[in-house]
Amino acid sequence: MHLCDMLAQDLGGCPGFRGACEVTNIDLKLLAVVTELHKTRSVSQTAENLDLSQSAISMSLAKLRKHFNDPLFVRTSSGMDPTPHAVELIGLLKNAEDILQTALDLHVVFDPLISDRRFNVCSTDIAQVTLMPRLMHRLRRIAPNVGIDLRRISEVTPKLLETGEVDLALGFILPMGAGFCQQRLFKEKFVCALRREHPRVGDVLTIEDFQNEIHLAITTCGTGHGVVEKVLQAKNIRRKVGLVVPSFLGIASIITTLDYLTILPEQLARHLAGGGNIKVLPLPFSVPSYYIMQHWHERYTNDPASRWLRSVMADLFSVRDPHHVM
């Protein structure tokens, strides 16, 4: 509720108060006259304290009396004493001053050691497998009560970042337009993953092998796979796709069981190869590398908690210039 509305509501029977809050009719600075006159009980002393002339104080008091429809101050043997309406108004102004001062003194802080905040993060399946374990290990040490709720990157991710329903998005995301910020974490490239004991492909993948073998294709947001499709089309390279899946989860068993080739970001391919049943080979054609980035909306650039989470991500995964913001 607007401050003027609160004061008018609380004053109840004080006619004209709402009009006094309309800056087109009266300067709110005039209310300082009420407070100061209550302290000094003297028009001349009030004028001196406010660095104004006595006539200016008298004119201000006349405007206030008209708007509040009350004398506000009357001359007595002890000086200028407030009317009951003025006493009530002074009390409300003091409360309003305290509230405003509290607001001005408010400094939002985030202490990861004691916070129990849960951050909402949009990511790819790849990030879930390769980045999240490292992040959670770090959080266990520096922010033991902080949690992460993961969501998949999708077409609604920009809207979720804008509204604050999601704090951060990780991956390869096309520019989202004005108001969005991004920071490079690391460069990624594509490779080919296949069964280590593949019956036809050895330690080198040729263009003939690539076009003759059956492929596993993955269609998911936030991974840059659209770049691969454009390169294949531009270079007129054929690919026989036997199976299309919507995510990277569970693809290791498909590769090793069906002898399929699949194009993967290198980080995930190396992770899968760690089990010993999958090998990683360079592609027989060039594909542009791309950057994995963290994305957020500018509304939350200076939010202490969001800044802290981004700094943790940059410290963990940025290979150079972790403070570079695009």
C-alpha atoms as a PDB file:
ATOM      1  CA  MET A   1       0.000   0.000   0.000  1.00  0.00           C
ATOM      2  CA  HIS A   2       1.246   3.511  -0.818  1.00  0.00           C
ATOM      3  CA  LEU A   3       2.552   5.458   2.187  1.00  0.00           C
ATOM      4  CA  CYS A   4      -0.009   8.183   1.648  1.00  0.00           C
ATOM      5  CA  ASP A   5      -2.797   5.603   1.572  1.00  0.00           C
ATOM      6  CA  MET A   6      -1.543   4.093   4.824  1.00  0.00           C
ATOM      7  CA  LEU A   7      -1.403   7.467   6.520  1.00  0.00           C
ATOM      8  CA  ALA A   8      -4.835   8.427   5.242  1.00  0.00           C
ATOM      9  CA  GLN A   9      -6.279   5.118   6.363  1.00  0.00           C
ATOM     10  CA  ASP A  10      -4.748   5.383   9.809  1.00  0.00           C
ATOM     11  CA  LEU A  11      -5.731   9.027  10.232  1.00  0.00           C
ATOM     12  CA  GLY A  12      -9.329   8.116   9.527  1.00  0.00           C
ATOM     13  CA  GLY A  13     -11.118  11.263  10.571  1.00  0.00           C
ATOM     14  CA  CYS A  14      -8.423  13.636   9.404  1.00  0.00           C
ATOM     15  CA  PRO A  15     -10.104  15.217   6.318  1.00  0.00           C
ATOM     16  CA  GLY A  16      -7.990  16.323   3.409  1.00  0.00           C
ATOM     17  CA  PHE A  17      -4.974  14.164   4.216  1.00  0.00           C
ATOM     18  CA  ARG A  18      -4.985  12.323   0.906  1.00  0.00           C
ATOM     19  CA  GLY A  19      -4.961  15.654  -0.887  1.00  0.00           C
ATOM     20  CA  ALA A  20      -1.893  16.640   1.088  1.00  0.00           C
ATOM     21  CA  CYS A  21      -0.049  13.624  -0.338  1.00  0.00           C
ATOM     22  CA  GLU A  22      -0.673  14.629  -3.938  1.00  0.00           C
ATOM     23  CA  VAL A  23       2.476  16.355  -5.080  1.00  0.00           C
ATOM     24  CA  THR A  24       0.474  18.353  -7.627  1.00  0.00           C
ATOM     25  CA  ASN A  25      -1.242  20.131  -4.725  1.00  0.00           C
ATOM     26  CA  ILE A  26       1.333  20.210  -1.963  1.00  0.00           C
ATOM     27  CA  ASP A  27       5.017  19.517  -1.533  1.00  0.00           C
ATOM     28  CA  LEU A  28       5.565  16.638   0.886  1.00  0.00           C
ATOM     29  CA  LYS A  29       8.571  18.564   2.218  1.00  0.00           C
ATOM     30  CA  LEU A  30       6.062  20.822   3.930  1.00  0.00           C
ATOM     31  CA  LEU A  31       5.439  17.991   6.376  1.00  0.00           C
ATOM     32  CA  ALA A  32       8.896  18.699   7.785  1.00  0.00           C
ATOM     33  CA  VAL A  33       7.417  21.936   9.100  1.00  0.00           C
ATOM     34  CA  VAL A  34       4.977  19.948  11.235  1.00  0.00           C
ATOM     35  CA  THR A  35       7.718  17.827  12.751  1.00  0.00           C
ATOM     36  CA  GLU A  36      10.064  20.719  13.408  1.00  0.00           C
ATOM     37  CA  LEU A  37       7.383  23.019  14.816  1.00  0.00           C
ATOM     38  CA  HIS A  38       6.382  20.243  17.199  1.00  0.00           C
ATOM     39  CA  LYS A  39       9.971  20.103  18.447  1.00  0.00           C
ATOM     40  CA  THR A  40      10.551  23.830  18.815  1.00  0.00           C
ATOM     41  CA  ARG A  41       7.057  25.142  19.585  1.00  0.00           C
ATOM     42  CA  SER A  42       8.316  28.311  17.870  1.00  0.00           C
ATOM     43  CA  VAL A  43       7.798  29.591  14.317  1.00  0.00           C
ATOM     44  CA  SER A  44      11.010  31.651  14.419  1.00  0.00           C
ATOM     45  CA  GLN A  45      13.099  28.730  15.715  1.00  0.00           C
ATOM     46  CA  THR A  46      11.553  26.402  13.135  1.00  0.00           C
ATOM     47  CA  ALA A  47      12.417  28.859  10.394  1.00  0.00           C
ATOM     48  CA  GLU A  48      16.009  29.043  11.608  1.00  0.00           C
ATOM     49  CA  ASN A  49      16.383  25.271  11.901  1.00  0.00           C
ATOM     50  CA  LEU A  50      14.984  24.698   8.419  1.00  0.00           C
ATOM     51  CA  ASP A  51      16.932  27.622   6.954  1.00  0.00           C
ATOM     52  CA  LEU A  52      13.748  29.360   5.863  1.00  0.00           C
ATOM     53  CA  SER A  53      12.137  32.713   6.550  1.00  0.00           C
ATOM     54  CA  GLN A  54       9.377  33.091   9.134  1.00  0.00           C
ATOM     55  CA  SER A  55       6.995  34.116   6.370  1.00  0.00           C
ATOM     56  CA  ALA A  56       7.818  30.901   4.489  1.00  0.00           C
ATOM     57  CA  ILE A  57       6.999  28.875   7.615  1.00  0.00           C
ATOM     58  CA  SER A  58       3.746  30.785   8.052  1.00  0.00           C
ATOM     59  CA  MET A  59       2.801  30.178   4.412  1.00  0.00           C
ATOM     60  CA  SER A  60       3.662  26.496   4.698  1.00  0.00           C
ATOM     61  CA  LEU A  61       1.585  26.177   7.846  1.00  0.00           C
ATOM     62  CA  ALA A  62      -1.333  27.884   6.101  1.00  0.00           C
ATOM     63  CA  LYS A  63      -1.179  25.382   3.230  1.00  0.00           C
ATOM     64  CA  LEU A  64      -1.034  22.473   5.654  1.00  0.00           C
ATOM     65  CA  ARG A  65      -3.997  23.794   7.656  1.00  0.00           C
ATOM     66  CA  LYS A  66      -6.030  24.100   4.475  1.00  0.00           C
ATOM     67  CA  HIS A  67      -5.251  20.590   3.275  1.00  0.00           C
ATOM     68  CA  PHE A  68      -5.740  18.921   6.638  1.00  0.00           C
ATOM     69  CA  ASN A  69      -8.750  21.080   7.459  1.00  0.00           C
ATOM     70  CA  ASP A  70      -7.340  21.553  10.945  1.00  0.00           C
ATOM     71  CA  PRO A  71      -5.393  24.349  12.706  1.00  0.00           C
ATOM     72  CA  LEU A  72      -2.625  21.823  13.515  1.00  0.00           C
ATOM     73  CA  PHE A  73      -0.861  24.259  15.884  1.00  0.00           C
ATOM     74  CA  VAL A  74      -2.373  26.918  18.171  1.00  0.00           C
ATOM     75  CA  ARG A  75      -0.610  29.547  20.238  1.00  0.00           C
ATOM     76  CA  THR A  76      -0.608  28.881  23.990  1.00  0.00           C
ATOM     77  CA  SER A  77       1.335  30.151  26.989  1.00  0.00           C
ATOM     78  CA  SER A  78       4.015  27.539  26.283  1.00  0.00           C
ATOM     79  CA  GLY A  79       4.312  28.278  22.560  1.00  0.00           C
ATOM     80  CA  MET A  80       2.809  26.694  19.446  1.00  0.00           C
ATOM     81  CA  ASP A  81       1.100  23.543  20.689  1.00  0.00           C
ATOM     82  CA  PRO A  82      -0.244  20.794  18.381  1.00  0.00           C
ATOM     83  CA  THR A  83      -3.907  19.966  18.086  1.00  0.00           C
ATOM     84  CA  PRO A  84      -5.036  16.343  18.565  1.00  0.00           C
ATOM     85  CA  HIS A  85      -4.981  15.874  14.801  1.00  0.00           C
ATOM     86  CA  ALA A  86      -1.433  17.192  14.636  1.00  0.00           C
ATOM     87  CA  VAL A  87      -0.326  14.870  17.445  1.00  0.00           C
ATOM     88  CA  GLU A  88      -1.745  11.885  15.540  1.00  0.00           C
ATOM     89  CA  LEU A  89      -0.143  13.065  12.319  1.00  0.00           C
ATOM     90  CA  ILE A  90       3.245  13.548  13.992  1.00  0.00           C
ATOM     91  CA  GLY A  91       3.121  10.006  15.342  1.00  0.00           C
ATOM     92  CA  LEU A  92       2.360   8.626  11.882  1.00  0.00           C
ATOM     93  CA  LEU A  93       5.141  10.676  10.306  1.00  0.00           C
ATOM     94  CA  LYS A  94       7.588   9.329  12.882  1.00  0.00           C
ATOM     95  CA  ASN A  95       6.543   5.763  12.063  1.00  0.00           C
ATOM     96  CA  ALA A  96       6.858   6.485   8.347  1.00  0.00           C
ATOM     97  CA  GLU A  97      10.313   7.966   8.893  1.00  0.00           C
ATOM     98  CA  ASP A  98      11.409   4.862  10.779  1.00  0.00           C
ATOM     99  CA  ILE A  99      10.096   2.600   8.021  1.00  0.00           C
ATOM    100  CA  LEU A 100      11.846   4.604   5.328  1.00  0.00           C
ATOM    101  CA  GLN A 101      15.097   4.607   7.282  1.00  0.00           C
ATOM    102  CA  THR A 102      14.883   0.834   7.724  1.00  0.00           C
ATOM    103  CA  ALA A 103      14.361   0.463   3.982  1.00  0.00           C
ATOM    104  CA  LEU A 104      17.343   2.694   3.207  1.00  0.00           C
ATOM    105  CA  ASP A 105      19.519   0.766   5.650  1.00  0.00           C
ATOM    106  CA  LEU A 106      18.498  -2.588   4.209  1.00  0.00           C
ATOM    107  CA  HIS A 107      21.453  -4.431   2.703  1.00  0.00           C
ATOM    108  CA  VAL A 108      20.659  -7.865   1.328  1.00  0.00           C
ATOM    109  CA  VAL A 109      23.390 -10.341   2.198  1.00  0.00           C
ATOM    110  CA  PHE A 110      23.871 -14.002   1.396  1.00  0.00           C
ATOM    111  CA  ASP A 111      25.882 -16.244   3.690  1.00  0.00           C
ATOM    112  CA  PRO A 112      26.384 -19.649   2.030  1.00  0.00           C
ATOM    113  CA  LEU A 113      27.578 -21.235   5.262  1.00  0.00           C
ATOM    114  CA  ILE A 114      24.211 -20.784   6.956  1.00  0.00           C
ATOM    115  CA  SER A 115      21.798 -20.431   4.000  1.00  0.00           C
ATOM    116  CA  ASP A 116      19.328 -23.208   3.232  1.00  0.00           C
ATOM    117  CA  ARG A 117      18.274 -21.747  -0.106  1.00  0.00           C
ATOM    118  CA  ARG A 118      17.376 -24.051  -2.981  1.00  0.00           C
ATOM    119  CA  PHE A 119      18.477 -22.780  -6.371  1.00  0.00           C
ATOM    120  CA  ASN A 120      16.543 -23.688  -9.506  1.00  0.00           C
ATOM    121  CA  VAL A 121      18.843 -24.470 -12.432  1.00  0.00           C
ATOM    122  CA  CYS A 122      18.020 -25.414 -16.018  1.00  0.00           C
ATOM    123  CA  SER A 123      20.593 -27.680 -17.610  1.00  0.00           C
ATOM    124  CA  THR A 124      21.149 -30.403 -20.170  1.00  0.00           C
ATOM    125  CA  ASP A 125      21.404 -34.088 -19.381  1.00  0.00           C
ATOM    126  CA  ILE A 126      25.120 -33.705 -20.046  1.00  0.00           C
ATOM    127  CA  ALA A 127      25.481 -31.125 -17.289  1.00  0.00           C
ATOM    128  CA  GLN A 128      23.528 -33.376 -14.957  1.00  0.00           C
ATOM    129  CA  VAL A 129      26.045 -36.157 -15.529  1.00  0.00           C
ATOM    130  CA  THR A 130      29.308 -34.232 -15.854  1.00  0.00           C
ATOM    131  CA  LEU A 131      28.940 -30.914 -14.010  1.00  0.00           C
ATOM    132  CA  MET A 132      26.476 -31.473 -11.186  1.00  0.00           C
ATOM    133  CA  PRO A 133      28.568 -34.014  -9.227  1.00  0.00           C
ATOM    134  CA  ARG A 134      31.459 -31.533  -9.088  1.00  0.00           C
ATOM    135  CA  LEU A 135      29.140 -28.684  -8.131  1.00  0.00           C
ATOM    136  CA  MET A 136      27.447 -30.661  -5.352  1.00  0.00           C
ATOM    137  CA  HIS A 137      30.809 -31.783  -3.998  1.00  0.00           C
ATOM    138  CA  ARG A 138      31.879 -28.126  -3.795  1.00  0.00           C
ATOM    139  CA  LEU A 139      28.598 -27.052  -2.190  1.00  0.00           C
ATOM    140  CA  ARG A 140      28.908 -29.755   0.451  1.00  0.00           C
ATOM    141  CA  ARG A 141      32.095 -28.050   1.571  1.00  0.00           C
ATOM    142  CA  ILE A 142      31.253 -24.332   1.279  1.00  0.00           C
ATOM    143  CA  ALA A 143      27.436 -24.305   1.579  1.00  0.00           C
ATOM    144  CA  PRO A 144      26.303 -27.492   3.323  1.00  0.00           C
ATOM    145  CA  ASN A 145      22.607 -26.569   3.496  1.00  0.00           C
ATOM    146  CA  VAL A 146      22.217 -25.116   0.001  1.00  0.00           C
ATOM    147  CA  GLY A 147      20.352 -27.301  -2.503  1.00  0.00           C
ATOM    148  CA  ILE A 148      19.904 -27.451  -6.272  1.00  0.00           C
ATOM    149  CA  ASP A 149      16.708 -28.331  -8.138  1.00  0.00           C
ATOM    150  CA  LEU A 150      17.425 -29.226 -11.776  1.00  0.00           C
ATOM    151  CA  ARG A 151      15.106 -28.713 -14.735  1.00  0.00           C
ATOM    152  CA  ARG A 152      15.707 -29.449 -18.388  1.00  0.00           C
ATOM    153  CA  ILE A 153      16.446 -26.612 -20.761  1.00  0.00           C
ATOM    154  CA  SER A 154      13.395 -26.002 -22.940  1.00  0.00           C
ATOM    155  CA  GLU A 155      11.656 -23.333 -24.959  1.00  0.00           C
ATOM    156  CA  VAL A 156      10.258 -21.812 -21.752  1.00  0.00           C
ATOM    157  CA  THR A 157      13.681 -21.427 -20.105  1.00  0.00           C
ATOM    158  CA  PRO A 158      14.018 -17.714 -21.047  1.00  0.00           C
ATOM    159  CA  LYS A 159      10.649 -16.927 -19.465  1.00  0.00           C
ATOM    160  CA  LEU A 160      11.573 -18.815 -16.292  1.00  0.00           C
ATOM    161  CA  LEU A 161      14.834 -16.881 -16.038  1.00  0.00           C
ATOM    162  CA  GLU A 162      13.000 -13.593 -16.546  1.00  0.00           C
ATOM    163  CA  THR A 163      10.445 -14.282 -13.825  1.00  0.00           C
ATOM    164  CA  GLY A 164      13.019 -15.625 -11.379  1.00  0.00           C
ATOM    165  CA  GLU A 165      11.479 -19.110 -11.256  1.00  0.00           C
ATOM    166  CA  VAL A 166      14.875 -20.311 -12.480  1.00  0.00           C
ATOM    167  CA  ASP A 167      18.105 -18.786 -11.197  1.00  0.00           C
ATOM    168  CA  LEU A 168      20.526 -20.048 -13.824  1.00  0.00           C
ATOM    169  CA  ALA A 169      20.655 -21.973 -17.105  1.00  0.00           C
ATOM    170  CA  LEU A 170      23.698 -24.005 -18.144  1.00  0.00           C
ATOM    171  CA  GLY A 171      24.478 -25.103 -21.674  1.00  0.00           C
ATOM    172  CA  PHE A 172      24.530 -23.982 -25.280  1.00  0.00           C
ATOM    173  CA  ILE A 173      21.530 -21.683 -25.731  1.00  0.00           C
ATOM    174  CA  LEU A 174      20.873 -19.408 -28.670  1.00  0.00           C
ATOM    175  CA  PRO A 175      20.715 -15.667 -27.829  1.00  0.00           C
ATOM    176  CA  MET A 176      17.575 -14.943 -25.839  1.00  0.00           C
ATOM    177  CA  GLY A 177      17.346 -11.235 -26.604  1.00  0.00           C
ATOM    178  CA  ALA A 178      17.580  -8.062 -24.579  1.00  0.00           C
ATOM    179  CA  GLY A 179      17.747  -8.383 -20.828  1.00  0.00           C
ATOM    180  CA  PHE A 180      19.675 -11.654 -20.696  1.00  0.00           C
ATOM    181  CA  CYS A 181      23.284 -12.079 -19.622  1.00  0.00           C
ATOM    182  CA  GLN A 182      25.714 -14.884 -20.317  1.00  0.00           C
ATOM    183  CA  GLN A 183      29.179 -15.905 -19.184  1.00  0.00           C
ATOM    184  CA  ARG A 184      31.511 -18.335 -20.918  1.00  0.00           C
ATOM    185  CA  LEU A 185      32.530 -21.346 -18.885  1.00  0.00           C
ATOM    186  CA  PHE A 186      34.447 -23.588 -21.276  1.00  0.00           C
ATOM    187  CA  LYS A 187      34.784 -24.495 -24.944  1.00  0.00           C
ATOM    188  CA  GLU A 188      33.274 -27.760 -26.157  1.00  0.00           C
ATOM    189  CA  LYS A 189      33.670 -29.777 -29.365  1.00  0.00           C
ATOM    190  CA  PHE A 190      32.020 -32.784 -30.948  1.00  0.00           C
ATOM    191  CA  VAL A 191      33.517 -36.262 -31.253  1.00  0.00           C
ATOM    192  CA  CYS A 192      32.285 -39.703 -32.213  1.00  0.00           C
ATOM    193  CA  ALA A 193      31.618 -42.361 -29.571  1.00  0.00           C
ATOM    194  CA  LEU A 194      31.275 -46.071 -30.351  1.00  0.00           C
ATOM    195  CA  ARG A 195      31.789 -49.503 -28.828  1.00  0.00           C
ATOM    196  CA  ARG A 196      35.444 -50.205 -28.080  1.00  0.00           C
ATOM    197  CA  GLU A 197      35.232 -53.581 -29.789  1.00  0.00           C
ATOM    198  CA  HIS A 198      33.279 -52.304 -32.774  1.00  0.00           C
ATOM    199  CA  PRO A 199      33.521 -54.987 -35.495  1.00  0.00           C
ATOM    200  CA  ARG A 200      34.200 -52.603 -38.402  1.00  0.00           C
ATOM    201  CA  VAL A 201      35.646 -49.352 -37.059  1.00  0.00           C
ATOM    202  CA  GLY A 202      39.135 -49.362 -35.567  1.00  0.00           C
ATOM    203  CA  ASP A 203      41.191 -46.508 -34.191  1.00  0.00           C
ATOM    204  CA  VAL A 204      40.464 -44.134 -37.072  1.00  0.00           C
ATOM    205  CA  LEU A 205      37.014 -43.104 -38.277  1.00  0.00           C
ATOM    206  CA  THR A 206      36.898 -42.402 -42.007  1.00  0.00           C
ATOM    207  CA  ILE A 207      34.209 -40.536 -43.884  1.00  0.00           C
ATOM    208  CA  GLU A 208      33.223 -43.831 -45.505  1.00  0.00           C
ATOM    209  CA  ASP A 209      32.838 -45.463 -42.090  1.00  0.00           C
ATOM    210  CA  PHE A 210      30.766 -42.535 -40.917  1.00  0.00           C
ATOM    211  CA  GLN A 211      28.376 -42.779 -43.860  1.00  0.00           C
ATOM    212  CA  ASN A 212      28.155 -46.579 -43.910  1.00  0.00           C
ATOM    213  CA  GLU A 213      27.520 -47.235 -40.220  1.00  0.00           C
ATOM    214  CA  ILE A 214      24.215 -46.887 -38.401  1.00  0.00           C
ATOM    215  CA  HIS A 215      23.907 -43.905 -36.048  1.00  0.00           C
ATOM    216  CA  LEU A 216      22.226 -43.050 -32.796  1.00  0.00           C
ATOM    217  CA  ALA A 217      20.949 -39.443 -32.887  1.00  0.00           C
ATOM    218  CA  ILE A 218      20.067 -37.337 -29.869  1.00  0.00           C
ATOM    219  CA  THR A 219      17.666 -34.402 -30.085  1.00  0.00           C
ATOM    220  CA  THR A 220      17.733 -32.232 -27.006  1.00  0.00           C
ATOM    221  CA  CYS A 221      17.983 -28.524 -26.182  1.00  0.00           C
ATOM    222  CA  GLY A 222      21.083 -26.797 -24.913  1.00  0.00           C
ATOM    223  CA  THR A 223      23.772 -28.990 -26.501  1.00  0.00           C
ATOM    224  CA  GLY A 224      24.616 -27.381 -29.836  1.00  0.00           C
ATOM    225  CA  HIS A 225      23.576 -30.416 -31.860  1.00  0.00           C
ATOM    226  CA  GLY A 226      21.915 -28.109 -34.354  1.00  0.00           C
ATOM    227  CA  VAL A 227      25.437 -27.098 -35.384  1.00  0.00           C
ATOM    228  CA  VAL A 228      26.179 -30.717 -36.368  1.00  0.00           C
ATOM    229  CA  GLU A 229      23.072 -30.997 -38.508  1.00  0.00           C
ATOM    230  CA  LYS A 230      23.963 -27.815 -40.373  1.00  0.00           C
ATOM    231  CA  VAL A 231      27.507 -29.057 -41.053  1.00  0.00           C
ATOM    232  CA  LEU A 232      26.282 -32.417 -42.348  1.00  0.00           C
ATOM    233  CA  GLN A 233      23.855 -30.680 -44.654  1.00  0.00           C
ATOM    234  CA  ALA A 234      26.388 -28.116 -45.851  1.00  0.00           C
ATOM    235  CA  LYS A 235      29.021 -30.784 -46.569  1.00  0.00           C
ATOM    236  CA  ASN A 236      26.456 -33.147 -48.085  1.00  0.00           C
ATOM    237  CA  ILE A 237      27.458 -35.911 -45.665  1.00  0.00           C
ATOM    238  CA  ARG A 238      24.984 -38.745 -45.337  1.00  0.00           C
ATOM    239  CA  ARG A 239      24.114 -40.275 -41.982  1.00  0.00           C
ATOM    240  CA  LYS A 240      22.019 -43.392 -41.534  1.00  0.00           C
ATOM    241  CA  VAL A 241      20.057 -42.866 -38.342  1.00  0.00           C
ATOM    242  CA  GLY A 242      18.741 -46.037 -36.776  1.00  0.00           C
ATOM    243  CA  LEU A 243      17.444 -44.567 -33.530  1.00  0.00           C
ATOM    244  CA  VAL A 244      16.556 -41.089 -32.305  1.00  0.00           C
ATOM    245  CA  VAL A 245      16.327 -40.451 -28.549  1.00  0.00           C
ATOM    246  CA  PRO A 246      15.319 -37.267 -26.698  1.00  0.00           C
ATOM    247  CA  SER A 247      18.126 -37.268 -24.105  1.00  0.00           C
ATOM    248  CA  PHE A 248      21.619 -38.503 -23.352  1.00  0.00           C
ATOM    249  CA  LEU A 249      20.584 -40.635 -20.402  1.00  0.00           C
ATOM    250  CA  GLY A 250      21.080 -44.354 -21.019  1.00  0.00           C
ATOM    251  CA  ILE A 251      22.846 -43.994 -24.373  1.00  0.00           C
ATOM    252  CA  ALA A 252      25.931 -45.938 -23.218  1.00  0.00           C
ATOM    253  CA  SER A 253      24.007 -49.213 -23.195  1.00  0.00           C
ATOM    254  CA  ILE A 254      22.610 -48.461 -26.680  1.00  0.00           C
ATOM    255  CA  ILE A 255      26.039 -47.760 -28.138  1.00  0.00           C
ATOM    256  CA  THR A 256      27.653 -50.867 -26.689  1.00  0.00           C
ATOM    257  CA  THR A 257      24.732 -53.145 -27.522  1.00  0.00           C
ATOM    258  CA  LEU A 258      23.873 -52.049 -31.073  1.00  0.00           C
ATOM    259  CA  ASP A 259      27.281 -51.016 -32.458  1.00  0.00           C
ATOM    260  CA  TYR A 260      25.869 -47.601 -33.289  1.00  0.00           C
ATOM    261  CA  LEU A 261      27.997 -44.527 -33.849  1.00  0.00           C
ATOM    262  CA  THR A 262      26.913 -41.361 -32.115  1.00  0.00           C
ATOM    263  CA  ILE A 263      28.108 -37.765 -32.185  1.00  0.00           C
ATOM    264  CA  LEU A 264      28.568 -36.420 -28.671  1.00  0.00           C
ATOM    265  CA  PRO A 265      30.079 -33.416 -26.932  1.00  0.00           C
ATOM    266  CA  GLU A 266      33.577 -34.474 -25.943  1.00  0.00           C
ATOM    267  CA  GLN A 267      33.061 -33.985 -22.222  1.00  0.00           C
ATOM    268  CA  LEU A 268      30.216 -36.501 -22.143  1.00  0.00           C
ATOM    269  CA  ALA A 269      31.983 -38.898 -24.509  1.00  0.00           C
ATOM    270  CA  ARG A 270      35.079 -38.967 -22.262  1.00  0.00           C
ATOM    271  CA  HIS A 271      32.848 -39.542 -19.262  1.00  0.00           C
ATOM    272  CA  LEU A 272      31.171 -42.535 -20.931  1.00  0.00           C
ATOM    273  CA  ALA A 273      34.510 -43.885 -22.106  1.00  0.00           C
ATOM    274  CA  GLY A 274      35.658 -44.040 -18.501  1.00  0.00           C
ATOM    275  CA  GLY A 275      33.723 -47.298 -18.115  1.00  0.00           C
ATOM    276  CA  GLY A 276      36.072 -49.039 -20.557  1.00  0.00           C
ATOM    277  CA  ASN A 277      33.505 -50.233 -23.109  1.00  0.00           C
ATOM    278  CA  ILE A 278      33.339 -47.111 -25.268  1.00  0.00           C
ATOM    279  CA  LYS A 279      36.031 -45.381 -27.308  1.00  0.00           C
ATOM    280  CA  VAL A 280      36.170 -41.816 -28.555  1.00  0.00           C
ATOM    281  CA  LEU A 281      37.384 -40.895 -32.042  1.00  0.00           C
ATOM    282  CA  PRO A 282      37.735 -37.575 -33.869  1.00  0.00           C
ATOM    283  CA  LEU A 283      35.097 -36.863 -36.484  1.00  0.00           C
ATOM    284  CA  PRO A 284      36.278 -37.255 -40.109  1.00  0.00           C
ATOM    285  CA  PHE A 285      35.112 -33.709 -40.889  1.00  0.00           C
ATOM    286  CA  SER A 286      35.418 -30.384 -39.107  1.00  0.00           C
ATOM    287  CA  VAL A 287      32.636 -29.073 -36.893  1.00  0.00           C
ATOM    288  CA  PRO A 288      32.871 -25.663 -35.190  1.00  0.00           C
ATOM    289  CA  SER A 289      33.443 -25.778 -31.462  1.00  0.00           C
ATOM    290  CA  TYR A 290      31.101 -23.886 -29.175  1.00  0.00           C
ATOM    291  CA  TYR A 291      30.969 -22.465 -25.661  1.00  0.00           C
ATOM    292  CA  ILE A 292      29.094 -23.824 -22.693  1.00  0.00           C
ATOM    293  CA  MET A 293      27.754 -20.807 -20.842  1.00  0.00           C
ATOM    294  CA  GLN A 294      25.772 -19.878 -17.805  1.00  0.00           C
ATOM    295  CA  HIS A 295      22.783 -17.657 -18.525  1.00  0.00           C
ATOM    296  CA  TRP A 296      20.689 -15.414 -16.291  1.00  0.00           C
ATOM    297  CA  HIS A 297      18.395 -12.412 -16.503  1.00  0.00           C
ATOM    298  CA  GLU A 298      19.819  -8.967 -15.798  1.00  0.00           C
ATOM    299  CA  ARG A 299      17.167  -8.411 -13.096  1.00  0.00           C
ATOM    300  CA  TYR A 300      19.211 -10.734 -10.905  1.00  0.00           C
ATOM    301  CA  THR A 301      22.714  -9.616 -11.875  1.00  0.00           C
ATOM    302  CA  ASN A 302      23.270  -7.937  -8.504  1.00  0.00           C
ATOM    303  CA  ASP A 303      21.271 -10.352  -6.380  1.00  0.00           C
ATOM    304  CA  PRO A 304      23.806 -11.580  -3.777  1.00  0.00           C
ATOM    305  CA  ALA A 305      22.665 -15.215  -3.830  1.00  0.00           C
ATOM    306  CA  SER A 306      22.609 -15.389  -7.625  1.00  0.00           C
ATOM    307  CA  ARG A 307      25.996 -13.713  -7.891  1.00  0.00           C
ATOM    308  CA  TRP A 308      27.415 -16.206  -5.431  1.00  0.00           C
ATOM    309  CA  LEU A 309      26.112 -19.205  -7.391  1.00  0.00           C
ATOM    310  CA  ARG A 310      27.509 -17.822 -10.660  1.00  0.00           C
ATOM    311  CA  SER A 311      30.883 -17.246  -9.033  1.00  0.00           C
ATOM    312  CA  VAL A 312      30.962 -20.851  -7.827  1.00  0.00           C
ATOM    313  CA  MET A 313      30.143 -22.103 -11.333  1.00  0.00           C
ATOM    314  CA  ALA A 314      32.799 -19.883 -12.889  1.00  0.00           C
ATOM    315  CA  ASP A 315      35.405 -20.958 -10.349  1.00  0.00           C
ATOM    316  CA  LEU A 316      34.663 -24.633 -11.003  1.00  0.00           C
ATOM    317  CA  PHE A 317      34.285 -24.711 -14.759  1.00  0.00           C
ATOM    318  CA  SER A 318      35.673 -21.597 -16.403  1.00  0.00           C
ATOM    319  CA  VAL A 319      38.972 -22.309 -18.130  1.00  0.00           C
ATOM    320  CA  ARG A 320      39.954 -18.662 -18.565  1.00  0.00           C
ATOM    321  CA  ASP A 321      38.776 -15.202 -17.586  1.00  0.00           C
ATOM    322  CA  PRO A 322      35.996 -16.414 -15.249  1.00  0.00           C
ATOM    323  CA  HIS A 323      34.699 -12.863 -14.806  1.00  0.00           C
ATOM    324  CA  HIS A 324      34.158 -12.198 -18.500  1.00  0.00           C
ATOM    325  CA  VAL A 325      30.476 -11.397 -19.023  1.00  0.00           C
ATOM    326  CA  MET A 326      29.118 -11.090 -22.557  1.00  0.00           C
END
